[in-house]
């Protein structure tokens, strides 16, 4: 038998292409892609090749089947797709399913590769827990990343000042990720998030070079929001669609108007008009309205305490009307409860 094998050419094992779709312009989305990559490489297949694709909430279709071209196709920190090409899925958003049919499809899945829990502060920590408990992954080397994704995505800062001053490396990286216009930037960051301390990532030349202009933009956004944020009946409203400020720090309104309970903001980018709906983590009273449910009525979603709706870039009027309806609902709620 041994002689028969002499001289035989053994073909190398085909490299596995893993395409990871993640919530784009989101610290938790990028971190979810990072921790999944590390888990997959350590516990599933060490020679995998990862390709990263960001997903954004749009008024049009969220998914293009033609992009599901990996040997494994993964979605993290984003809505569910019932496509048979999707082999892994993790999410923690309350509004995870586009339709009841998608929810039913997930409930019937037997792959042990699709997971959902809206009680987790971050999708990153959710992936870490599943990977550790079900697949023997050790998340300890990524403890810093896990700590900060919970703080950032769960709005667990001690106060608004800490969230707005952004002194910690994680906060600066969040600003860079949320304002990224170069689509190649976050895919370059993800492998670093999986392996490097956050402070070291900030020292990378392609990252460090972005900071001065972004910090200046951040200060400008504070000034603009201070001028435009109107607080009435416990709810802030502002419209910045005439300015290039989408990706502003979402805690600035509460830093400027600490007596607020909710906020409704309208912003614009080159592909959408966005209505952002949030609640003040440091509000003088507990926010009682489920914001995800409100946003779902307009085709958006999110969490109970924060949500958003994306309209086509040509639908400024529709976005404004939706914002005003939500604003009225929240202000009425605050008045009704005596908040």
Protein backbone atom coordinates (compact mmCIF):
# COMPACT_ATOMS: atom_id res chain seq x y z
CA UNK A 1 0.00 0.00 0.00
CA UNK A 2 2.85 2.38 0.92
CA UNK A 3 4.64 1.83 -2.42
CA UNK A 4 1.48 2.53 -4.34
CA UNK A 5 1.25 5.94 -2.67
CA UNK A 6 4.84 6.91 -3.50
CA UNK A 7 4.88 9.79 -5.97
CA UNK A 8 1.15 10.40 -5.72
CA UNK A 9 0.28 14.10 -5.78
CA UNK A 10 -1.95 14.99 -2.85
CA UNK A 11 -4.14 18.01 -3.59
CA UNK A 12 -4.10 20.62 -0.83
CA UNK A 13 -7.34 21.19 1.02
CA UNK A 14 -9.38 23.99 -0.54
CA UNK A 15 -9.28 27.18 1.51
CA UNK A 16 -12.70 27.88 2.96
CA UNK A 17 -14.14 31.28 2.05
CA UNK A 18 -16.14 32.73 4.92
CA UNK A 19 -18.06 35.89 4.06
CA UNK A 20 -19.14 37.77 7.18
CA UNK A 21 -21.91 40.34 6.92
CA UNK A 22 -21.95 42.75 9.85
CA UNK A 23 -23.86 45.85 10.93
CA UNK A 24 -21.83 48.56 9.23
CA UNK A 25 -20.77 51.82 10.89
CA UNK A 26 -21.39 50.23 14.28
CA UNK A 27 -18.77 49.39 16.92
CA UNK A 28 -20.71 46.32 18.03
CA UNK A 29 -21.16 45.23 14.40
CA UNK A 30 -17.43 45.40 13.65
CA UNK A 31 -16.58 43.77 16.99
CA UNK A 32 -19.10 40.98 16.34
CA UNK A 33 -17.38 40.24 13.03
CA UNK A 34 -14.03 40.25 14.82
CA UNK A 35 -14.96 37.84 17.59
CA UNK A 36 -16.76 35.51 15.17
CA UNK A 37 -13.66 35.41 12.97
CA UNK A 38 -11.44 34.50 15.89
CA UNK A 39 -13.87 31.88 17.15
CA UNK A 40 -14.27 30.33 13.71
CA UNK A 41 -10.52 30.18 13.11
CA UNK A 42 -9.79 28.67 16.53
CA UNK A 43 -12.68 26.23 16.84
CA UNK A 44 -14.07 25.50 13.35
CA UNK A 45 -11.48 25.87 10.61
CA UNK A 46 -7.98 27.30 11.04
CA UNK A 47 -7.29 27.91 7.34
CA UNK A 48 -10.44 29.93 6.62
CA UNK A 49 -10.23 33.08 4.52
CA UNK A 50 -12.51 35.85 5.78
CA UNK A 51 -14.22 38.46 3.62
CA UNK A 52 -16.09 41.26 5.40
CA UNK A 53 -19.18 43.01 4.04
CA UNK A 54 -20.99 45.80 5.88
CA UNK A 55 -24.79 45.98 5.92
CA UNK A 56 -26.78 49.15 6.52
CA UNK A 57 -30.46 49.68 7.10
CA UNK A 58 -31.97 51.10 3.93
CA UNK A 59 -35.42 51.84 2.64
CA UNK A 60 -34.82 49.27 -0.13
CA UNK A 61 -34.02 45.56 0.21
CA UNK A 62 -31.45 44.83 2.92
CA UNK A 63 -29.97 41.74 1.28
CA UNK A 64 -28.75 40.78 -2.18
CA UNK A 65 -28.65 37.00 -2.67
CA UNK A 66 -25.84 37.40 -5.19
CA UNK A 67 -23.58 38.58 -2.39
CA UNK A 68 -24.00 35.35 -0.44
CA UNK A 69 -21.06 33.82 -2.31
CA UNK A 70 -18.99 32.31 0.50
CA UNK A 71 -18.58 28.65 1.36
CA UNK A 72 -19.94 29.89 4.68
CA UNK A 73 -22.11 33.02 4.81
CA UNK A 74 -22.47 34.67 8.19
CA UNK A 75 -24.65 37.53 9.45
CA UNK A 76 -23.82 39.15 12.80
CA UNK A 77 -25.58 42.01 14.61
CA UNK A 78 -28.10 42.44 11.81
CA UNK A 79 -31.53 41.26 10.76
CA UNK A 80 -32.33 37.66 9.90
CA UNK A 81 -32.27 36.28 6.39
CA UNK A 82 -34.09 33.04 5.57
CA UNK A 83 -31.81 32.40 2.59
CA UNK A 84 -30.51 28.80 2.58
CA UNK A 85 -27.09 30.28 1.77
CA UNK A 86 -26.82 31.80 5.26
CA UNK A 87 -25.07 29.26 7.46
CA UNK A 88 -24.49 31.29 10.67
CA UNK A 89 -26.52 34.10 12.26
CA UNK A 90 -26.26 36.00 15.55
CA UNK A 91 -28.34 38.97 16.65
CA UNK A 92 -29.61 40.72 19.77
CA UNK A 93 -31.91 43.41 18.36
CA UNK A 94 -35.53 43.31 19.41
CA UNK A 95 -36.44 43.98 15.76
CA UNK A 96 -34.43 41.08 14.35
CA UNK A 97 -37.00 39.70 11.91
CA UNK A 98 -38.30 41.51 8.85
CA UNK A 99 -41.45 39.37 8.69
CA UNK A 100 -43.33 36.80 10.80
CA UNK A 101 -42.27 34.25 8.18
CA UNK A 102 -38.62 34.99 8.95
CA UNK A 103 -39.26 34.51 12.66
CA UNK A 104 -40.98 31.19 11.97
CA UNK A 105 -38.11 30.11 9.72
CA UNK A 106 -35.63 30.81 12.53
CA UNK A 107 -37.72 28.91 15.09
CA UNK A 108 -37.72 25.85 12.82
CA UNK A 109 -33.97 25.94 12.15
CA UNK A 110 -32.10 22.85 13.38
CA UNK A 111 -28.58 23.79 12.31
CA UNK A 112 -27.26 24.86 15.74
CA UNK A 113 -25.65 27.73 13.85
CA UNK A 114 -28.25 30.47 14.27
CA UNK A 115 -28.74 32.25 17.58
CA UNK A 116 -30.86 35.08 18.94
CA UNK A 117 -31.21 36.75 22.35
CA UNK A 118 -32.50 40.33 22.68
CA UNK A 119 -31.51 40.46 26.35
CA UNK A 120 -27.80 40.85 25.61
CA UNK A 121 -26.29 44.33 25.78
CA UNK A 122 -24.11 43.62 22.73
CA UNK A 123 -24.06 41.05 19.97
CA UNK A 124 -20.31 40.67 20.60
CA UNK A 125 -20.84 39.40 24.13
CA UNK A 126 -23.67 37.17 22.89
CA UNK A 127 -21.39 35.53 20.30
CA UNK A 128 -18.69 35.09 22.96
CA UNK A 129 -21.11 33.31 25.29
CA UNK A 130 -22.45 30.97 22.59
CA UNK A 131 -18.97 30.23 21.23
CA UNK A 132 -17.67 29.43 24.71
CA UNK A 133 -20.58 27.33 25.94
CA UNK A 134 -21.33 25.39 22.76
CA UNK A 135 -18.01 25.26 20.93
CA UNK A 136 -15.32 25.49 23.63
CA UNK A 137 -14.00 28.90 22.53
CA UNK A 138 -11.94 30.91 25.03
CA UNK A 139 -13.06 34.58 24.87
CA UNK A 140 -10.70 35.77 27.62
CA UNK A 141 -8.07 37.26 25.23
CA UNK A 142 -10.83 39.59 23.98
CA UNK A 143 -11.99 40.69 27.44
CA UNK A 144 -11.27 44.37 26.71
CA UNK A 145 -13.33 44.30 23.52
CA UNK A 146 -16.20 42.51 25.25
CA UNK A 147 -16.16 45.01 28.10
CA UNK A 148 -16.39 48.00 25.79
CA UNK A 149 -18.97 46.64 23.36
CA UNK A 150 -21.36 46.17 26.28
CA UNK A 151 -20.69 49.73 27.44
CA UNK A 152 -21.00 51.27 23.96
CA UNK A 153 -23.97 49.29 22.65
CA UNK A 154 -25.73 49.11 26.01
CA UNK A 155 -25.18 52.83 26.79
CA UNK A 156 -23.66 51.85 30.13
CA UNK A 157 -21.58 54.97 30.65
CA UNK A 158 -21.66 56.47 34.15
CA UNK A 159 -22.84 59.80 32.76
CA UNK A 160 -23.36 61.75 29.53
CA UNK A 161 -20.10 63.64 29.96
CA UNK A 162 -18.10 60.40 29.79
CA UNK A 163 -19.95 59.34 26.63
CA UNK A 164 -19.41 62.69 24.90
CA UNK A 165 -15.81 63.42 25.90
CA UNK A 166 -14.69 60.09 24.36
CA UNK A 167 -11.39 59.80 26.22
CA UNK A 168 -11.19 55.99 26.09
CA UNK A 169 -9.70 54.31 22.98
CA UNK A 170 -12.95 52.40 22.47
CA UNK A 171 -14.85 55.67 22.21
CA UNK A 172 -12.48 57.07 19.61
CA UNK A 173 -12.74 53.84 17.60
CA UNK A 174 -16.52 54.04 17.85
CA UNK A 175 -16.41 57.54 16.38
CA UNK A 176 -14.15 56.38 13.54
CA UNK A 177 -16.37 53.39 12.77
CA UNK A 178 -19.66 55.30 12.94
CA UNK A 179 -18.47 58.03 10.58
CA UNK A 180 -16.56 55.82 8.13
CA UNK A 181 -17.10 56.77 4.50
CA UNK A 182 -14.28 54.66 3.09
CA UNK A 183 -15.87 51.23 2.70
CA UNK A 184 -12.47 49.54 3.01
CA UNK A 185 -11.78 51.03 6.45
CA UNK A 186 -13.85 48.79 8.72
CA UNK A 187 -12.80 45.53 6.98
CA UNK A 188 -9.21 46.62 7.74
CA UNK A 189 -10.11 47.27 11.37
CA UNK A 190 -11.94 43.99 12.04
CA UNK A 191 -8.85 41.69 12.04
CA UNK A 192 -7.15 44.16 14.41
CA UNK A 193 -10.14 44.16 16.76
CA UNK A 194 -9.81 40.36 16.89
CA UNK A 195 -6.16 40.43 17.93
CA UNK A 196 -4.91 43.81 19.21
CA UNK A 197 -5.47 46.04 22.26
CA UNK A 198 -7.74 48.95 21.40
CA UNK A 199 -5.09 51.58 22.19
CA UNK A 200 -2.69 49.86 19.79
CA UNK A 201 -5.26 49.97 17.00
CA UNK A 202 -5.54 53.73 17.41
CA UNK A 203 -1.80 53.99 16.78
CA UNK A 204 -2.07 52.36 13.35
CA UNK A 205 -1.20 55.09 10.80
CA UNK A 206 -4.36 54.60 8.75
CA UNK A 207 -6.41 55.04 11.95
CA UNK A 208 -4.43 57.77 13.70
CA UNK A 209 -4.52 59.99 10.62
CA UNK A 210 -8.32 60.17 10.81
CA UNK A 211 -8.62 61.36 14.39
CA UNK A 212 -7.86 65.11 14.20
CA UNK A 213 -10.53 65.87 11.59
CA UNK A 214 -13.10 63.62 13.28
CA UNK A 215 -12.55 65.18 16.71
CA UNK A 216 -13.02 68.60 15.15
CA UNK A 217 -16.23 67.38 13.47
CA UNK A 218 -17.41 66.05 16.82
CA UNK A 219 -16.95 69.44 18.47
CA UNK A 220 -18.81 71.08 15.58
CA UNK A 221 -21.70 68.63 15.96
CA UNK A 222 -21.99 69.54 19.65
CA UNK A 223 -22.30 73.20 18.74
CA UNK A 224 -24.87 72.48 16.01
CA UNK A 225 -27.01 70.26 18.21
CA UNK A 226 -26.88 72.78 21.03
CA UNK A 227 -28.32 75.32 18.62
CA UNK A 228 -30.98 73.08 17.10
CA UNK A 229 -32.07 70.67 19.85
CA UNK A 230 -35.52 71.75 21.04
CA UNK A 231 -36.64 70.26 24.36
CA UNK A 232 -40.38 70.24 25.01
CA UNK A 233 -42.45 67.88 27.17
CA UNK A 234 -39.40 65.78 27.98
CA UNK A 235 -38.54 65.09 24.32
CA UNK A 236 -35.79 66.60 22.18
CA UNK A 237 -36.22 67.23 18.47
CA UNK A 238 -33.61 68.29 15.92
CA UNK A 239 -33.20 68.22 12.14
CA UNK A 240 -29.68 68.27 10.67
CA UNK A 241 -30.49 67.03 7.17
CA UNK A 242 -28.87 70.11 5.67
CA UNK A 243 -25.50 69.15 7.18
CA UNK A 244 -23.10 66.22 6.75
CA UNK A 245 -23.43 65.03 10.34
CA UNK A 246 -24.92 61.53 10.20
CA UNK A 247 -22.92 59.40 12.60
CA UNK A 248 -22.92 62.12 15.27
CA UNK A 249 -22.43 60.94 18.86
CA UNK A 250 -25.94 59.89 19.88
CA UNK A 251 -25.40 60.91 23.51
CA UNK A 252 -24.76 64.58 22.73
CA UNK A 253 -28.47 65.51 22.89
CA UNK A 254 -28.70 64.17 26.45
CA UNK A 255 -25.45 65.85 27.42
CA UNK A 256 -26.88 69.17 26.21
CA UNK A 257 -30.43 68.63 27.52
CA UNK A 258 -30.02 66.48 30.66
CA UNK A 259 -33.69 66.86 31.68
CA UNK A 260 -34.85 65.04 28.55
CA UNK A 261 -36.41 61.58 28.48
CA UNK A 262 -36.50 60.94 24.71
CA UNK A 263 -35.02 62.34 21.51
CA UNK A 264 -36.05 62.34 17.86
CA UNK A 265 -33.49 63.40 15.28
CA UNK A 266 -33.51 63.56 11.48
CA UNK A 267 -30.23 63.30 9.57
CA UNK A 268 -29.18 62.61 6.00
CA UNK A 269 -26.40 60.78 4.14
CA UNK A 270 -25.83 60.08 0.46
CA UNK A 271 -28.10 57.02 0.49
CA UNK A 272 -30.79 57.62 3.13
CA UNK A 273 -32.67 59.99 5.38
CA UNK A 274 -32.56 58.59 8.90
CA UNK A 275 -34.95 59.16 11.77
CA UNK A 276 -33.20 58.32 15.04
CA UNK A 277 -35.32 57.72 18.14
CA UNK A 278 -33.66 57.35 21.50
CA UNK A 279 -34.08 57.55 25.25
CA UNK A 280 -31.83 59.26 27.77
CA UNK A 281 -29.84 56.64 29.76
CA UNK A 282 -29.55 59.19 32.58
CA UNK A 283 -33.11 60.52 32.39
CA UNK A 284 -34.60 61.96 35.57
CA UNK A 285 -37.38 59.35 35.20
CA UNK A 286 -37.44 55.89 33.68
CA UNK A 287 -38.35 55.88 29.94
CA UNK A 288 -41.49 53.77 29.53
CA UNK A 289 -42.08 53.63 25.76
CA UNK A 290 -40.75 50.73 23.67
CA UNK A 291 -38.98 52.60 20.86
CA UNK A 292 -38.32 49.52 18.74
CA UNK A 293 -42.05 48.92 18.43
CA UNK A 294 -42.62 52.52 17.33
CA UNK A 295 -39.89 52.32 14.69
CA UNK A 296 -41.18 48.98 13.39
CA UNK A 297 -44.41 50.68 12.35
CA UNK A 298 -42.40 52.70 9.83
CA UNK A 299 -40.22 49.81 8.64
CA UNK A 300 -37.41 50.40 11.11
CA UNK A 301 -36.52 48.83 14.42
CA UNK A 302 -33.88 48.53 17.11
CA UNK A 303 -34.06 48.04 20.86
CA UNK A 304 -36.59 49.07 23.48
CA UNK A 305 -34.50 52.12 24.40
CA UNK A 306 -33.17 53.12 20.97
CA UNK A 307 -34.29 52.65 17.39
CA UNK A 308 -34.13 54.12 13.91
CA UNK A 309 -35.93 54.26 10.57
CA UNK A 310 -34.25 54.57 7.18
CA UNK A 311 -35.98 56.32 4.31
CA UNK A 312 -34.79 56.63 0.74
CA UNK A 313 -32.66 59.69 0.17
CA UNK A 314 -35.49 61.18 -1.90
CA UNK A 315 -38.07 60.72 0.89
CA UNK A 316 -37.23 63.69 3.07
CA UNK A 317 -40.89 64.65 3.38
CA UNK A 318 -41.94 61.17 4.50
CA UNK A 319 -39.10 61.04 7.02
CA UNK A 320 -40.06 64.44 8.43
CA UNK A 321 -43.69 63.40 8.74
CA UNK A 322 -42.75 60.20 10.54
CA UNK A 323 -40.45 62.12 12.87
CA UNK A 324 -43.21 64.57 13.76
CA UNK A 325 -45.71 61.76 14.41
CA UNK A 326 -43.24 59.98 16.70
CA UNK A 327 -42.34 63.24 18.40
CA UNK A 328 -46.00 63.93 19.13
CA UNK A 329 -46.48 60.39 20.47
CA UNK A 330 -43.51 60.61 22.81
CA UNK A 331 -44.34 64.08 24.08
CA UNK A 332 -47.94 62.97 24.69
CA UNK A 333 -46.66 59.94 26.59
CA UNK A 334 -44.46 62.08 28.81
CA UNK A 335 -47.32 64.47 29.57
CA UNK A 336 -49.74 61.61 30.24
CA UNK A 337 -47.47 59.99 32.79
CA UNK A 338 -46.58 63.26 34.45
CA UNK A 339 -42.88 62.80 33.63
